[in-house]
Amino acid sequence: RGHQKVSKTCISITSVIWLSALVCVIVAWPKHSWLWL
């Protein structure tokens, strides 16, 4: 792969997205809001 790597911007975007998704799972779970999720 030479000296290529994933950028910090990409890591940040992806981390924010998956952290947000996790928060949504936590919010949806007790109310069984699966369609919203």
PDB file of all heavy atoms in Angstrom:
ATOM      1  N   ARG A   1       0.825  -1.218   0.000  1.00  0.00           N
ATOM      2  CA  ARG A   1       0.000   0.000   0.000  1.00  0.00           C
ATOM      3  C   ARG A   1       0.855   1.261   0.000  1.00  0.00           C
ATOM      4  O   ARG A   1       0.336   2.361   0.149  1.00  0.00           O
ATOM      5  CB  ARG A   1      -0.981  -0.019   1.159  1.00  0.00           C
ATOM      6  CG  ARG A   1      -0.387  -0.060   2.529  1.00  0.00           C
ATOM      7  CD  ARG A   1      -1.484  -0.216   3.595  1.00  0.00           C
ATOM      8  NE  ARG A   1      -0.932  -0.583   4.862  1.00  0.00           N
ATOM      9  CZ  ARG A   1      -0.664  -1.816   5.263  1.00  0.00           C
ATOM     10  NH1 ARG A   1      -0.895  -2.827   4.458  1.00  0.00           N
ATOM     11  NH2 ARG A   1      -0.150  -2.052   6.439  1.00  0.00           N
ATOM     12  N   GLY A   2       2.156   1.082  -0.141  1.00  0.00           N
ATOM     13  CA  GLY A   2       3.031   2.241  -0.130  1.00  0.00           C
ATOM     14  C   GLY A   2       2.933   2.954   1.212  1.00  0.00           C
ATOM     15  O   GLY A   2       2.904   2.313   2.254  1.00  0.00           O
ATOM     16  N   HIS A   3       2.866   4.270   1.169  1.00  0.00           N
ATOM     17  CA  HIS A   3       2.769   5.064   2.402  1.00  0.00           C
ATOM     18  C   HIS A   3       1.343   5.564   2.636  1.00  0.00           C
ATOM     19  O   HIS A   3       1.135   6.476   3.427  1.00  0.00           O
ATOM     20  CB  HIS A   3       3.745   6.239   2.346  1.00  0.00           C
ATOM     21  CG  HIS A   3       5.169   5.797   2.241  1.00  0.00           C
ATOM     22  ND1 HIS A   3       5.837   5.211   3.284  1.00  0.00           N
ATOM     23  CD2 HIS A   3       6.031   5.820   1.196  1.00  0.00           C
ATOM     24  CE1 HIS A   3       7.059   4.905   2.899  1.00  0.00           C
ATOM     25  NE2 HIS A   3       7.210   5.263   1.629  1.00  0.00           N
ATOM     26  N   GLN A   4       0.385   4.985   1.932  1.00  0.00           N
ATOM     27  CA  GLN A   4      -1.002   5.431   2.051  1.00  0.00           C
ATOM     28  C   GLN A   4      -1.604   4.990   3.373  1.00  0.00           C
ATOM     29  O   GLN A   4      -1.252   3.939   3.910  1.00  0.00           O
ATOM     30  CB  GLN A   4      -1.841   4.842   0.917  1.00  0.00           C
ATOM     31  CG  GLN A   4      -1.527   5.391  -0.438  1.00  0.00           C
ATOM     32  CD  GLN A   4      -2.330   4.671  -1.486  1.00  0.00           C
ATOM     33  OE1 GLN A   4      -1.769   3.934  -2.276  1.00  0.00           O
ATOM     34  NE2 GLN A   4      -3.630   4.890  -1.501  1.00  0.00           N
ATOM     35  N   LYS A   5      -2.527   5.790   3.852  1.00  0.00           N
ATOM     36  CA  LYS A   5      -3.281   5.428   5.048  1.00  0.00           C
ATOM     37  C   LYS A   5      -4.611   6.176   5.030  1.00  0.00           C
ATOM     38  O   LYS A   5      -4.829   7.072   4.225  1.00  0.00           O
ATOM     39  CB  LYS A   5      -2.488   5.739   6.315  1.00  0.00           C
ATOM     40  CG  LYS A   5      -2.083   7.189   6.462  1.00  0.00           C
ATOM     41  CD  LYS A   5      -1.195   7.388   7.676  1.00  0.00           C
ATOM     42  CE  LYS A   5      -0.768   8.840   7.738  1.00  0.00           C
ATOM     43  NZ  LYS A   5       0.090   9.107   8.861  1.00  0.00           N
ATOM     44  N   VAL A   6      -5.492   5.779   5.934  1.00  0.00           N
ATOM     45  CA  VAL A   6      -6.780   6.446   6.076  1.00  0.00           C
ATOM     46  C   VAL A   6      -6.537   7.795   6.746  1.00  0.00           C
ATOM     47  O   VAL A   6      -5.778   7.887   7.717  1.00  0.00           O
ATOM     48  CB  VAL A   6      -7.748   5.576   6.915  1.00  0.00           C
ATOM     49  CG1 VAL A   6      -9.074   6.281   7.115  1.00  0.00           C
ATOM     50  CG2 VAL A   6      -7.955   4.214   6.263  1.00  0.00           C
ATOM     51  N   SER A   7      -7.173   8.835   6.230  1.00  0.00           N
ATOM     52  CA  SER A   7      -6.952  10.178   6.769  1.00  0.00           C
ATOM     53  C   SER A   7      -7.625  10.351   8.128  1.00  0.00           C
ATOM     54  O   SER A   7      -8.592   9.656   8.463  1.00  0.00           O
ATOM     55  CB  SER A   7      -7.490  11.238   5.798  1.00  0.00           C
ATOM     56  OG  SER A   7      -8.907  11.245   5.818  1.00  0.00           O
ATOM     57  N   LYS A   8      -7.123  11.314   8.885  1.00  0.00           N
ATOM     58  CA  LYS A   8      -7.732  11.646  10.178  1.00  0.00           C
ATOM     59  C   LYS A   8      -9.153  12.176   9.989  1.00  0.00           C
ATOM     60  O   LYS A   8     -10.028  11.932  10.814  1.00  0.00           O
ATOM     61  CB  LYS A   8      -6.869  12.657  10.931  1.00  0.00           C
ATOM     62  CG  LYS A   8      -5.559  12.076  11.401  1.00  0.00           C
ATOM     63  CD  LYS A   8      -4.692  13.100  12.081  1.00  0.00           C
ATOM     64  CE  LYS A   8      -3.367  12.459  12.476  1.00  0.00           C
ATOM     65  NZ  LYS A   8      -2.405  13.408  13.002  1.00  0.00           N
ATOM     66  N   THR A   9      -9.374  12.900   8.896  1.00  0.00           N
ATOM     67  CA  THR A   9     -10.715  13.416   8.606  1.00  0.00           C
ATOM     68  C   THR A   9     -11.696  12.261   8.421  1.00  0.00           C
ATOM     69  O   THR A   9     -12.792  12.268   8.983  1.00  0.00           O
ATOM     70  CB  THR A   9     -10.693  14.296   7.341  1.00  0.00           C
ATOM     71  OG1 THR A   9      -9.783  15.373   7.543  1.00  0.00           O
ATOM     72  CG2 THR A   9     -12.076  14.824   7.007  1.00  0.00           C
ATOM     73  N   CYS A  10     -11.292  11.259   7.655  1.00  0.00           N
ATOM     74  CA  CYS A  10     -12.151  10.100   7.418  1.00  0.00           C
ATOM     75  C   CYS A  10     -12.410   9.341   8.723  1.00  0.00           C
ATOM     76  O   CYS A  10     -13.551   8.941   8.999  1.00  0.00           O
ATOM     77  CB  CYS A  10     -11.509   9.175   6.389  1.00  0.00           C
ATOM     78  SG  CYS A  10     -12.477   7.690   6.059  1.00  0.00           S
ATOM     79  N   ILE A  11     -11.368   9.151   9.509  1.00  0.00           N
ATOM     80  CA  ILE A  11     -11.522   8.470  10.806  1.00  0.00           C
ATOM     81  C   ILE A  11     -12.480   9.255  11.696  1.00  0.00           C
ATOM     82  O   ILE A  11     -13.351   8.680  12.355  1.00  0.00           O
ATOM     83  CB  ILE A  11     -10.154   8.270  11.489  1.00  0.00           C
ATOM     84  CG1 ILE A  11      -9.317   7.261  10.690  1.00  0.00           C
ATOM     85  CG2 ILE A  11     -10.319   7.812  12.935  1.00  0.00           C
ATOM     86  CD1 ILE A  11      -7.858   7.188  11.105  1.00  0.00           C
ATOM     87  N   SER A  12     -12.358  10.572  11.694  1.00  0.00           N
ATOM     88  CA  SER A  12     -13.238  11.418  12.508  1.00  0.00           C
ATOM     89  C   SER A  12     -14.690  11.314  12.048  1.00  0.00           C
ATOM     90  O   SER A  12     -15.598  11.129  12.864  1.00  0.00           O
ATOM     91  CB  SER A  12     -12.800  12.880  12.451  1.00  0.00           C
ATOM     92  OG  SER A  12     -11.510  13.021  12.969  1.00  0.00           O
ATOM     93  N   ILE A  13     -14.912  11.434  10.744  1.00  0.00           N
ATOM     94  CA  ILE A  13     -16.277  11.353  10.197  1.00  0.00           C
ATOM     95  C   ILE A  13     -16.900   9.999  10.533  1.00  0.00           C
ATOM     96  O   ILE A  13     -18.027   9.926  11.034  1.00  0.00           O
ATOM     97  CB  ILE A  13     -16.275  11.574   8.672  1.00  0.00           C
ATOM     98  CG1 ILE A  13     -15.953  13.035   8.339  1.00  0.00           C
ATOM     99  CG2 ILE A  13     -17.610  11.157   8.047  1.00  0.00           C
ATOM    100  CD1 ILE A  13     -15.660  13.283   6.870  1.00  0.00           C
ATOM    101  N   THR A  14     -16.151   8.945  10.278  1.00  0.00           N
ATOM    102  CA  THR A  14     -16.659   7.599  10.521  1.00  0.00           C
ATOM    103  C   THR A  14     -16.940   7.374  12.007  1.00  0.00           C
ATOM    104  O   THR A  14     -17.964   6.782  12.366  1.00  0.00           O
ATOM    105  CB  THR A  14     -15.666   6.557   9.983  1.00  0.00           C
ATOM    106  OG1 THR A  14     -15.395   6.849   8.611  1.00  0.00           O
ATOM    107  CG2 THR A  14     -16.220   5.151  10.093  1.00  0.00           C
ATOM    108  N   SER A  15     -16.056   7.856  12.853  1.00  0.00           N
ATOM    109  CA  SER A  15     -16.247   7.704  14.306  1.00  0.00           C
ATOM    110  C   SER A  15     -17.500   8.439  14.772  1.00  0.00           C
ATOM    111  O   SER A  15     -18.292   7.902  15.558  1.00  0.00           O
ATOM    112  CB  SER A  15     -15.028   8.225  15.067  1.00  0.00           C
ATOM    113  OG  SER A  15     -13.888   7.473  14.738  1.00  0.00           O
ATOM    114  N   VAL A  16     -17.692   9.667  14.292  1.00  0.00           N
ATOM    115  CA  VAL A  16     -18.879  10.446  14.675  1.00  0.00           C
ATOM    116  C   VAL A  16     -20.149   9.737  14.196  1.00  0.00           C
ATOM    117  O   VAL A  16     -21.136   9.635  14.940  1.00  0.00           O
ATOM    118  CB  VAL A  16     -18.799  11.891  14.123  1.00  0.00           C
ATOM    119  CG1 VAL A  16     -20.143  12.597  14.207  1.00  0.00           C
ATOM    120  CG2 VAL A  16     -17.728  12.675  14.858  1.00  0.00           C
ATOM    121  N   ILE A  17     -20.133   9.218  12.980  1.00  0.00           N
ATOM    122  CA  ILE A  17     -21.305   8.530  12.426  1.00  0.00           C
ATOM    123  C   ILE A  17     -21.650   7.304  13.267  1.00  0.00           C
ATOM    124  O   ILE A  17     -22.802   7.108  13.665  1.00  0.00           O
ATOM    125  CB  ILE A  17     -21.064   8.131  10.951  1.00  0.00           C
ATOM    126  CG1 ILE A  17     -20.982   9.364  10.061  1.00  0.00           C
ATOM    127  CG2 ILE A  17     -22.124   7.140  10.472  1.00  0.00           C
ATOM    128  CD1 ILE A  17     -22.277  10.111   9.872  1.00  0.00           C
ATOM    129  N   TRP A  18     -20.653   6.458  13.554  1.00  0.00           N
ATOM    130  CA  TRP A  18     -20.939   5.222  14.306  1.00  0.00           C
ATOM    131  C   TRP A  18     -21.266   5.512  15.768  1.00  0.00           C
ATOM    132  O   TRP A  18     -22.092   4.819  16.364  1.00  0.00           O
ATOM    133  CB  TRP A  18     -19.820   4.207  14.159  1.00  0.00           C
ATOM    134  CG  TRP A  18     -19.876   3.558  12.799  1.00  0.00           C
ATOM    135  CD1 TRP A  18     -18.983   3.705  11.783  1.00  0.00           C
ATOM    136  CD2 TRP A  18     -20.905   2.699  12.300  1.00  0.00           C
ATOM    137  NE1 TRP A  18     -19.400   2.989  10.686  1.00  0.00           N
ATOM    138  CE2 TRP A  18     -20.576   2.352  10.982  1.00  0.00           C
ATOM    139  CE3 TRP A  18     -22.089   2.190  12.843  1.00  0.00           C
ATOM    140  CZ2 TRP A  18     -21.368   1.521  10.198  1.00  0.00           C
ATOM    141  CZ3 TRP A  18     -22.884   1.352  12.060  1.00  0.00           C
ATOM    142  CH2 TRP A  18     -22.514   1.027  10.761  1.00  0.00           C
ATOM    143  N   LEU A  19     -20.674   6.541  16.345  1.00  0.00           N
ATOM    144  CA  LEU A  19     -21.035   6.928  17.708  1.00  0.00           C
ATOM    145  C   LEU A  19     -22.478   7.440  17.734  1.00  0.00           C
ATOM    146  O   LEU A  19     -23.259   7.092  18.635  1.00  0.00           O
ATOM    147  CB  LEU A  19     -20.074   7.998  18.237  1.00  0.00           C
ATOM    148  CG  LEU A  19     -20.284   8.438  19.682  1.00  0.00           C
ATOM    149  CD1 LEU A  19     -20.133   7.261  20.639  1.00  0.00           C
ATOM    150  CD2 LEU A  19     -19.306   9.533  20.044  1.00  0.00           C
ATOM    151  N   SER A  20     -22.853   8.224  16.740  1.00  0.00           N
ATOM    152  CA  SER A  20     -24.237   8.706  16.631  1.00  0.00           C
ATOM    153  C   SER A  20     -25.203   7.539  16.458  1.00  0.00           C
ATOM    154  O   SER A  20     -26.289   7.519  17.064  1.00  0.00           O
ATOM    155  CB  SER A  20     -24.382   9.662  15.446  1.00  0.00           C
ATOM    156  OG  SER A  20     -23.551  10.781  15.611  1.00  0.00           O
ATOM    157  N   ALA A  21     -24.822   6.561  15.640  1.00  0.00           N
ATOM    158  CA  ALA A  21     -25.668   5.380  15.436  1.00  0.00           C
ATOM    159  C   ALA A  21     -25.842   4.615  16.746  1.00  0.00           C
ATOM    160  O   ALA A  21     -26.952   4.168  17.067  1.00  0.00           O
ATOM    161  CB  ALA A  21     -25.063   4.472  14.368  1.00  0.00           C
ATOM    162  N   LEU A  22     -24.775   4.501  17.517  1.00  0.00           N
ATOM    163  CA  LEU A  22     -24.850   3.825  18.816  1.00  0.00           C
ATOM    164  C   LEU A  22     -25.802   4.560  19.759  1.00  0.00           C
ATOM    165  O   LEU A  22     -26.630   3.931  20.435  1.00  0.00           O
ATOM    166  CB  LEU A  22     -23.461   3.707  19.446  1.00  0.00           C
ATOM    167  CG  LEU A  22     -23.407   3.065  20.834  1.00  0.00           C
ATOM    168  CD1 LEU A  22     -23.935   1.630  20.797  1.00  0.00           C
ATOM    169  CD2 LEU A  22     -21.993   3.116  21.371  1.00  0.00           C
ATOM    170  N   VAL A  23     -25.717   5.875  19.792  1.00  0.00           N
ATOM    171  CA  VAL A  23     -26.635   6.673  20.616  1.00  0.00           C
ATOM    172  C   VAL A  23     -28.080   6.417  20.178  1.00  0.00           C
ATOM    173  O   VAL A  23     -28.977   6.248  21.014  1.00  0.00           O
ATOM    174  CB  VAL A  23     -26.284   8.179  20.553  1.00  0.00           C
ATOM    175  CG1 VAL A  23     -27.385   9.038  21.158  1.00  0.00           C
ATOM    176  CG2 VAL A  23     -24.949   8.443  21.243  1.00  0.00           C
ATOM    177  N   CYS A  24     -28.312   6.353  18.877  1.00  0.00           N
ATOM    178  CA  CYS A  24     -29.666   6.100  18.367  1.00  0.00           C
ATOM    179  C   CYS A  24     -30.152   4.706  18.764  1.00  0.00           C
ATOM    180  O   CYS A  24     -31.329   4.537  19.098  1.00  0.00           O
ATOM    181  CB  CYS A  24     -29.705   6.266  16.852  1.00  0.00           C
ATOM    182  SG  CYS A  24     -29.522   7.991  16.339  1.00  0.00           S
ATOM    183  N   VAL A  25     -29.273   3.720  18.749  1.00  0.00           N
ATOM    184  CA  VAL A  25     -29.648   2.374  19.199  1.00  0.00           C
ATOM    185  C   VAL A  25     -30.052   2.417  20.673  1.00  0.00           C
ATOM    186  O   VAL A  25     -31.077   1.843  21.067  1.00  0.00           O
ATOM    187  CB  VAL A  25     -28.495   1.365  18.982  1.00  0.00           C
ATOM    188  CG1 VAL A  25     -28.768   0.046  19.701  1.00  0.00           C
ATOM    189  CG2 VAL A  25     -28.265   1.130  17.490  1.00  0.00           C
ATOM    190  N   ILE A  26     -29.280   3.126  21.483  1.00  0.00           N
ATOM    191  CA  ILE A  26     -29.578   3.242  22.921  1.00  0.00           C
ATOM    192  C   ILE A  26     -30.919   3.944  23.145  1.00  0.00           C
ATOM    193  O   ILE A  26     -31.701   3.554  24.011  1.00  0.00           O
ATOM    194  CB  ILE A  26     -28.423   3.956  23.651  1.00  0.00           C
ATOM    195  CG1 ILE A  26     -27.179   3.066  23.647  1.00  0.00           C
ATOM    196  CG2 ILE A  26     -28.813   4.345  25.068  1.00  0.00           C
ATOM    197  CD1 ILE A  26     -25.893   3.762  24.055  1.00  0.00           C
ATOM    198  N   VAL A  27     -31.200   4.963  22.348  1.00  0.00           N
ATOM    199  CA  VAL A  27     -32.471   5.692  22.465  1.00  0.00           C
ATOM    200  C   VAL A  27     -33.643   4.810  21.997  1.00  0.00           C
ATOM    201  O   VAL A  27     -34.704   4.790  22.625  1.00  0.00           O
ATOM    202  CB  VAL A  27     -32.427   7.011  21.655  1.00  0.00           C
ATOM    203  CG1 VAL A  27     -33.807   7.627  21.516  1.00  0.00           C
ATOM    204  CG2 VAL A  27     -31.454   7.984  22.298  1.00  0.00           C
ATOM    205  N   ALA A  28     -33.459   4.069  20.921  1.00  0.00           N
ATOM    206  CA  ALA A  28     -34.547   3.277  20.336  1.00  0.00           C
ATOM    207  C   ALA A  28     -34.870   2.030  21.154  1.00  0.00           C
ATOM    208  O   ALA A  28     -36.024   1.594  21.189  1.00  0.00           O
ATOM    209  CB  ALA A  28     -34.188   2.872  18.912  1.00  0.00           C
ATOM    210  N   TRP A  29     -33.872   1.459  21.803  1.00  0.00           N
ATOM    211  CA  TRP A  29     -34.029   0.164  22.471  1.00  0.00           C
ATOM    212  C   TRP A  29     -35.174   0.128  23.491  1.00  0.00           C
ATOM    213  O   TRP A  29     -36.047  -0.745  23.391  1.00  0.00           O
ATOM    214  CB  TRP A  29     -32.705  -0.234  23.124  1.00  0.00           C
ATOM    215  CG  TRP A  29     -32.632  -1.692  23.434  1.00  0.00           C
ATOM    216  CD1 TRP A  29     -33.131  -2.330  24.528  1.00  0.00           C
ATOM    217  CD2 TRP A  29     -32.041  -2.689  22.626  1.00  0.00           C
ATOM    218  NE1 TRP A  29     -32.884  -3.662  24.458  1.00  0.00           N
ATOM    219  CE2 TRP A  29     -32.207  -3.914  23.292  1.00  0.00           C
ATOM    220  CE3 TRP A  29     -31.376  -2.668  21.405  1.00  0.00           C
ATOM    221  CZ2 TRP A  29     -31.733  -5.109  22.778  1.00  0.00           C
ATOM    222  CZ3 TRP A  29     -30.898  -3.864  20.905  1.00  0.00           C
ATOM    223  CH2 TRP A  29     -31.078  -5.063  21.584  1.00  0.00           C
ATOM    224  N   PRO A  30     -35.209   1.024  24.473  1.00  0.00           N
ATOM    225  CA  PRO A  30     -36.268   0.901  25.492  1.00  0.00           C
ATOM    226  C   PRO A  30     -37.683   1.108  24.945  1.00  0.00           C
ATOM    227  O   PRO A  30     -38.641   0.539  25.464  1.00  0.00           O
ATOM    228  CB  PRO A  30     -35.943   1.989  26.518  1.00  0.00           C
ATOM    229  CG  PRO A  30     -34.706   2.654  26.087  1.00  0.00           C
ATOM    230  CD  PRO A  30     -34.304   2.125  24.760  1.00  0.00           C
ATOM    231  N   LYS A  31     -37.808   1.902  23.899  1.00  0.00           N
ATOM    232  CA  LYS A  31     -39.136   2.195  23.341  1.00  0.00           C
ATOM    233  C   LYS A  31     -39.490   1.281  22.169  1.00  0.00           C
ATOM    234  O   LYS A  31     -40.573   1.414  21.597  1.00  0.00           O
ATOM    235  CB  LYS A  31     -39.188   3.654  22.878  1.00  0.00           C
ATOM    236  CG  LYS A  31     -39.022   4.646  24.010  1.00  0.00           C
ATOM    237  CD  LYS A  31     -39.067   6.062  23.475  1.00  0.00           C
ATOM    238  CE  LYS A  31     -38.856   7.042  24.622  1.00  0.00           C
ATOM    239  NZ  LYS A  31     -38.942   8.420  24.184  1.00  0.00           N
ATOM    240  N   HIS A  32     -38.560   0.404  21.799  1.00  0.00           N
ATOM    241  CA  HIS A  32     -38.754  -0.485  20.645  1.00  0.00           C
ATOM    242  C   HIS A  32     -39.087   0.316  19.388  1.00  0.00           C
ATOM    243  O   HIS A  32     -39.929  -0.085  18.594  1.00  0.00           O
ATOM    244  CB  HIS A  32     -39.838  -1.534  20.930  1.00  0.00           C
ATOM    245  CG  HIS A  32     -39.560  -2.357  22.131  1.00  0.00           C
ATOM    246  ND1 HIS A  32     -38.654  -3.390  22.122  1.00  0.00           N
ATOM    247  CD2 HIS A  32     -40.033  -2.277  23.400  1.00  0.00           C
ATOM    248  CE1 HIS A  32     -38.589  -3.930  23.329  1.00  0.00           C
ATOM    249  NE2 HIS A  32     -39.410  -3.268  24.124  1.00  0.00           N
ATOM    250  N   SER A  33     -38.402   1.417  19.200  1.00  0.00           N
ATOM    251  CA  SER A  33     -38.629   2.300  18.046  1.00  0.00           C
ATOM    252  C   SER A  33     -37.783   1.827  16.858  1.00  0.00           C
ATOM    253  O   SER A  33     -36.918   2.540  16.354  1.00  0.00           O
ATOM    254  CB  SER A  33     -38.261   3.738  18.413  1.00  0.00           C
ATOM    255  OG  SER A  33     -39.032   4.186  19.476  1.00  0.00           O
ATOM    256  N   TRP A  34     -38.065   0.606  16.415  1.00  0.00           N
ATOM    257  CA  TRP A  34     -37.223  -0.015  15.394  1.00  0.00           C
ATOM    258  C   TRP A  34     -37.362   0.651  14.031  1.00  0.00           C
ATOM    259  O   TRP A  34     -36.380   0.787  13.306  1.00  0.00           O
ATOM    260  CB  TRP A  34     -37.526  -1.508  15.303  1.00  0.00           C
ATOM    261  CG  TRP A  34     -37.506  -2.177  16.638  1.00  0.00           C
ATOM    262  CD1 TRP A  34     -38.485  -2.945  17.189  1.00  0.00           C
ATOM    263  CD2 TRP A  34     -36.452  -2.126  17.621  1.00  0.00           C
ATOM    264  NE1 TRP A  34     -38.113  -3.370  18.444  1.00  0.00           N
ATOM    265  CE2 TRP A  34     -36.869  -2.885  18.736  1.00  0.00           C
ATOM    266  CE3 TRP A  34     -35.207  -1.511  17.678  1.00  0.00           C
ATOM    267  CZ2 TRP A  34     -36.094  -3.054  19.872  1.00  0.00           C
ATOM    268  CZ3 TRP A  34     -34.436  -1.673  18.818  1.00  0.00           C
ATOM    269  CH2 TRP A  34     -34.874  -2.435  19.889  1.00  0.00           C
ATOM    270  N   LEU A  35     -38.561   1.061  13.675  1.00  0.00           N
ATOM    271  CA  LEU A  35     -38.738   1.735  12.388  1.00  0.00           C
ATOM    272  C   LEU A  35     -37.950   3.040  12.366  1.00  0.00           C
ATOM    273  O   LEU A  35     -37.280   3.356  11.381  1.00  0.00           O
ATOM    274  CB  LEU A  35     -40.220   1.999  12.105  1.00  0.00           C
ATOM    275  CG  LEU A  35     -40.528   2.704  10.784  1.00  0.00           C
ATOM    276  CD1 LEU A  35     -40.026   1.890   9.597  1.00  0.00           C
ATOM    277  CD2 LEU A  35     -42.026   2.979  10.662  1.00  0.00           C
ATOM    278  N   TRP A  36     -38.019   3.803  13.446  1.00  0.00           N
ATOM    279  CA  TRP A  36     -37.238   5.035  13.537  1.00  0.00           C
ATOM    280  C   TRP A  36     -35.744   4.718  13.412  1.00  0.00           C
ATOM    281  O   TRP A  36     -35.016   5.403  12.692  1.00  0.00           O
ATOM    282  CB  TRP A  36     -37.521   5.743  14.864  1.00  0.00           C
ATOM    283  CG  TRP A  36     -36.627   6.924  15.089  1.00  0.00           C
ATOM    284  CD1 TRP A  36     -36.730   8.155  14.519  1.00  0.00           C
ATOM    285  CD2 TRP A  36     -35.455   6.959  15.911  1.00  0.00           C
ATOM    286  NE1 TRP A  36     -35.698   8.966  14.944  1.00  0.00           N
ATOM    287  CE2 TRP A  36     -34.897   8.252  15.804  1.00  0.00           C
ATOM    288  CE3 TRP A  36     -34.821   6.024  16.733  1.00  0.00           C
ATOM    289  CZ2 TRP A  36     -33.747   8.633  16.483  1.00  0.00           C
ATOM    290  CZ3 TRP A  36     -33.682   6.397  17.404  1.00  0.00           C
ATOM    291  CH2 TRP A  36     -33.151   7.698  17.273  1.00  0.00           C
ATOM    292  N   LEU A  37     -35.308   3.642  14.090  1.00  0.00           N
ATOM    293  CA  LEU A  37     -33.885   3.287  14.072  1.00  0.00           C
ATOM    294  C   LEU A  37     -33.416   2.905  12.670  1.00  0.00           C
ATOM    295  O   LEU A  37     -32.375   3.382  12.219  1.00  0.00           O
ATOM    296  CB  LEU A  37     -33.602   2.154  15.056  1.00  0.00           C
ATOM    297  CG  LEU A  37     -32.140   1.755  15.208  1.00  0.00           C
ATOM    298  CD1 LEU A  37     -31.297   2.940  15.691  1.00  0.00           C
ATOM    299  CD2 LEU A  37     -32.011   0.580  16.168  1.00  0.00           C
TER     300      LEU A  37
END
